[in-house]
Amino acid sequence: MLPCRKKELMTTSTDVTVVRGGAYTKEEDNRILELYEIYSTENNKWKLIASELKRGHKSVRERYVNHLDPTSASKEKYRYMLHRETIYNIVDKSDLTIQEKHKIDRLQSIYMKKWAELAKALSNNRKDGRRTELQVKNYWNSKHRTNNRNKNKSYERISDQMRLKKILN
C-alpha cells in the first residue's frame, strides 16, 4: 500500500481539526494574506488563521514569514503584486553569494544562533529580496557539519600515521 501524502486528522489543544501536510495552493496563500490583515493585531493570530485554513499554526506562520510576507517589498512592487492578483515570493531564493557567506561568518560571532536577527542584518539594503532565517541557518549548519567532517578526517589520518610508525618500529 502506498503511503498517503496527507497525514491523519489531528485535534489541537483548541479542539480544531487540522489537516497537516500537502503543498499550499494559491488560494490558501491569498487567504493567509487576507486573514493576516484581519488578525494582525491579535496575540494568537497564527492559531486563528490556521483554524480557518485547517492547517497547523506553525506551518501557516512559516509559510507567511518565508514566502508571503510583503513588508520587505517596496510599495511599488507590492502594488504590482496585488494588481496581478498572484503571489510573488519576495524572498530571494538564489544561492548565497560569497559576500553574503562572509557577512554571515562575521555576524555569527555577534548574533550567535539568533537566526532571525542574523537574517535581518544580512537583508538590510538588498534590492533582490530578503533572506530568511531558514536560509541562513541551513548555510551555517551545513558549513559547520563540513568543518567537523574535515576535522575528523585529519584526526583519523594522524592516528593512522601513528599506528604505522608503531608497527614499523
Protein backbone atom coordinates (compact mmCIF):
# COMPACT_ATOMS: atom_id res chain seq x y z
CA MET A 1 0.00 0.00 0.00
CA LEU A 2 1.40 3.40 -0.97
CA PRO A 3 1.82 5.99 1.78
CA CYS A 4 -0.73 8.80 1.76
CA ARG A 5 0.56 12.34 1.18
CA LYS A 6 -1.70 13.89 3.78
CA LYS A 7 -1.26 12.86 7.36
CA GLU A 8 -4.05 11.86 9.66
CA LEU A 9 -6.51 14.36 11.05
CA MET A 10 -5.35 15.67 14.40
CA THR A 11 -7.02 17.64 17.15
CA THR A 12 -5.07 20.51 18.67
CA SER A 13 -5.40 21.99 22.14
CA THR A 14 -8.02 24.42 20.76
CA ASP A 15 -10.16 21.47 19.58
CA VAL A 16 -9.81 22.39 15.92
CA THR A 17 -9.42 19.62 13.37
CA VAL A 18 -6.19 20.13 11.44
CA VAL A 19 -5.11 18.53 8.18
CA ARG A 20 -1.35 18.58 8.07
CA GLY A 21 0.86 18.20 5.04
CA GLY A 22 0.49 18.92 1.37
CA ALA A 23 1.61 21.91 -0.63
CA TYR A 24 -0.07 25.28 -0.22
CA THR A 25 -2.32 26.39 -3.06
CA LYS A 26 -2.54 29.92 -4.47
CA GLU A 27 -5.99 30.23 -2.91
CA GLU A 28 -4.58 29.33 0.52
CA ASP A 29 -1.75 31.83 0.06
CA ASN A 30 -4.22 34.58 -0.81
CA ARG A 31 -6.41 33.58 2.14
CA ILE A 32 -3.42 33.75 4.51
CA LEU A 33 -2.73 37.32 3.38
CA GLU A 34 -6.38 38.31 3.79
CA LEU A 35 -6.64 36.74 7.24
CA TYR A 36 -3.35 38.29 8.32
CA GLU A 37 -4.77 41.73 7.56
CA ILE A 38 -7.78 40.91 9.73
CA TYR A 39 -5.99 39.28 12.68
CA SER A 40 -2.63 41.09 12.62
CA THR A 41 -3.27 42.85 15.95
CA GLU A 42 -4.32 39.67 17.80
CA ASN A 43 -1.88 37.87 20.07
CA ASN A 44 -2.86 34.44 18.78
CA LYS A 45 -3.19 35.43 15.11
CA TRP A 46 -1.45 32.31 13.75
CA LYS A 47 -3.83 29.98 15.58
CA LEU A 48 -6.84 31.94 14.36
CA ILE A 49 -5.61 31.91 10.76
CA ALA A 50 -4.69 28.22 10.97
CA SER A 51 -8.11 27.25 12.32
CA GLU A 52 -9.81 28.82 9.29
CA LEU A 53 -7.39 27.13 6.89
CA LYS A 54 -7.45 23.75 8.67
CA ARG A 55 -3.66 23.78 8.93
CA GLY A 56 -1.18 23.85 11.78
CA HIS A 57 -0.34 27.30 13.15
CA LYS A 58 3.41 26.73 12.92
CA SER A 59 3.09 25.74 9.27
CA VAL A 60 0.99 28.82 8.50
CA ARG A 61 3.46 31.13 10.25
CA GLU A 62 6.42 29.59 8.39
CA ARG A 63 4.59 29.95 5.07
CA TYR A 64 3.89 33.63 5.74
CA VAL A 65 7.34 34.52 7.07
CA ASN A 66 9.36 32.62 4.47
CA HIS A 67 7.24 33.11 1.35
CA LEU A 68 4.42 35.61 1.60
CA ASP A 69 5.48 38.49 3.87
CA PRO A 70 5.06 41.68 1.81
CA THR A 71 6.64 44.04 4.36
CA SER A 72 10.13 43.80 2.91
CA ALA A 73 9.00 44.69 -0.61
CA SER A 74 8.88 48.19 -1.94
CA LYS A 75 5.37 49.66 -2.14
CA GLU A 76 5.51 49.71 -5.95
CA LYS A 77 6.40 46.03 -6.12
CA TYR A 78 3.64 45.21 -3.61
CA ARG A 79 1.05 47.20 -5.61
CA TYR A 80 2.19 45.36 -8.74
CA MET A 81 1.73 42.04 -6.95
CA LEU A 82 -1.81 42.96 -5.90
CA HIS A 83 -2.61 44.23 -9.39
CA ARG A 84 -1.54 40.95 -10.96
CA GLU A 85 -3.61 39.04 -8.34
CA THR A 86 -0.87 36.49 -7.87
CA ILE A 87 1.60 35.88 -5.11
CA TYR A 88 5.24 36.53 -5.89
CA ASN A 89 7.87 35.45 -3.45
CA ILE A 90 9.73 38.42 -2.14
CA VAL A 91 12.24 36.09 -0.56
CA ASP A 92 15.42 35.80 -2.60
CA LYS A 93 15.78 32.07 -3.19
CA SER A 94 19.01 32.19 -5.16
CA ASP A 95 22.19 30.75 -3.71
CA LEU A 96 24.03 32.86 -1.18
CA THR A 97 26.78 34.96 -2.69
CA ILE A 98 30.36 34.79 -1.43
CA GLN A 99 29.95 38.24 0.12
CA GLU A 100 26.81 37.10 1.95
CA LYS A 101 28.58 34.00 3.24
CA HIS A 102 31.45 36.11 4.57
CA LYS A 103 28.95 38.50 6.16
CA ILE A 104 27.17 35.57 7.86
CA ASP A 105 30.51 34.35 9.19
CA ARG A 106 31.22 37.81 10.66
CA LEU A 107 27.72 38.36 12.03
CA GLN A 108 27.51 34.91 13.59
CA SER A 109 30.05 35.89 16.24
CA ILE A 110 27.77 38.82 17.19
CA TYR A 111 24.32 37.21 16.99
CA MET A 112 25.34 33.62 17.77
CA LYS A 113 22.31 31.41 16.90
CA LYS A 114 19.69 34.14 16.67
CA TRP A 115 18.89 33.30 13.07
CA ALA A 116 16.09 35.85 12.64
CA GLU A 117 18.36 38.70 13.77
CA LEU A 118 21.15 37.44 11.53
CA ALA A 119 18.80 37.26 8.54
CA LYS A 120 17.55 40.82 9.18
CA ALA A 121 21.10 42.14 9.35
CA LEU A 122 22.00 40.27 6.17
CA SER A 123 18.91 41.52 4.33
CA ASN A 124 19.41 45.21 5.05
CA ASN A 125 19.72 47.30 1.86
CA ARG A 126 19.20 44.35 -0.51
CA LYS A 127 17.37 45.07 -3.77
CA ASP A 128 16.77 41.47 -4.80
CA GLY A 129 14.61 40.47 -1.83
CA ARG A 130 15.35 39.35 1.66
CA ARG A 131 16.99 36.27 3.08
CA THR A 132 15.09 34.13 5.57
CA GLU A 133 16.34 32.78 8.86
CA LEU A 134 15.95 29.30 7.40
CA GLN A 135 18.39 30.06 4.56
CA VAL A 136 20.94 31.48 6.99
CA LYS A 137 20.57 28.59 9.43
CA ASN A 138 20.88 25.98 6.68
CA TYR A 139 24.06 27.60 5.36
CA TRP A 140 25.62 27.81 8.82
CA ASN A 141 24.74 24.25 9.81
CA SER A 142 25.99 22.76 6.54
CA LYS A 143 29.25 24.71 6.86
CA HIS A 144 29.61 23.61 10.48
CA ARG A 145 28.92 19.97 9.54
CA THR A 146 31.51 20.11 6.73
CA ASN A 147 34.12 21.59 9.05
CA ASN A 148 33.50 18.84 11.61
CA ARG A 149 33.87 16.17 8.94
CA ASN A 150 37.19 17.63 7.82
CA LYS A 151 38.46 17.73 11.41
CA ASN A 152 37.57 14.08 11.90
CA LYS A 153 39.32 13.12 8.69
CA SER A 154 42.52 14.89 9.68
CA TYR A 155 42.43 13.22 13.11
CA GLU A 156 41.92 9.82 11.50
CA ARG A 157 44.81 10.48 9.13
CA ILE A 158 47.16 11.39 12.00
CA SER A 159 46.13 8.39 14.09
CA ASP A 160 46.68 6.09 11.10
CA GLN A 161 50.17 7.50 10.61
CA MET A 162 50.97 6.97 14.29
CA ARG A 163 49.81 3.35 14.09
CA LEU A 164 52.07 2.79 11.07
CA LYS A 165 55.07 4.18 12.97
CA LYS A 166 54.33 1.80 15.86
CA ILE A 167 54.09 -1.17 13.52
CA LEU A 168 57.32 -0.25 11.72
CA ASN A 169 59.31 0.19 14.95
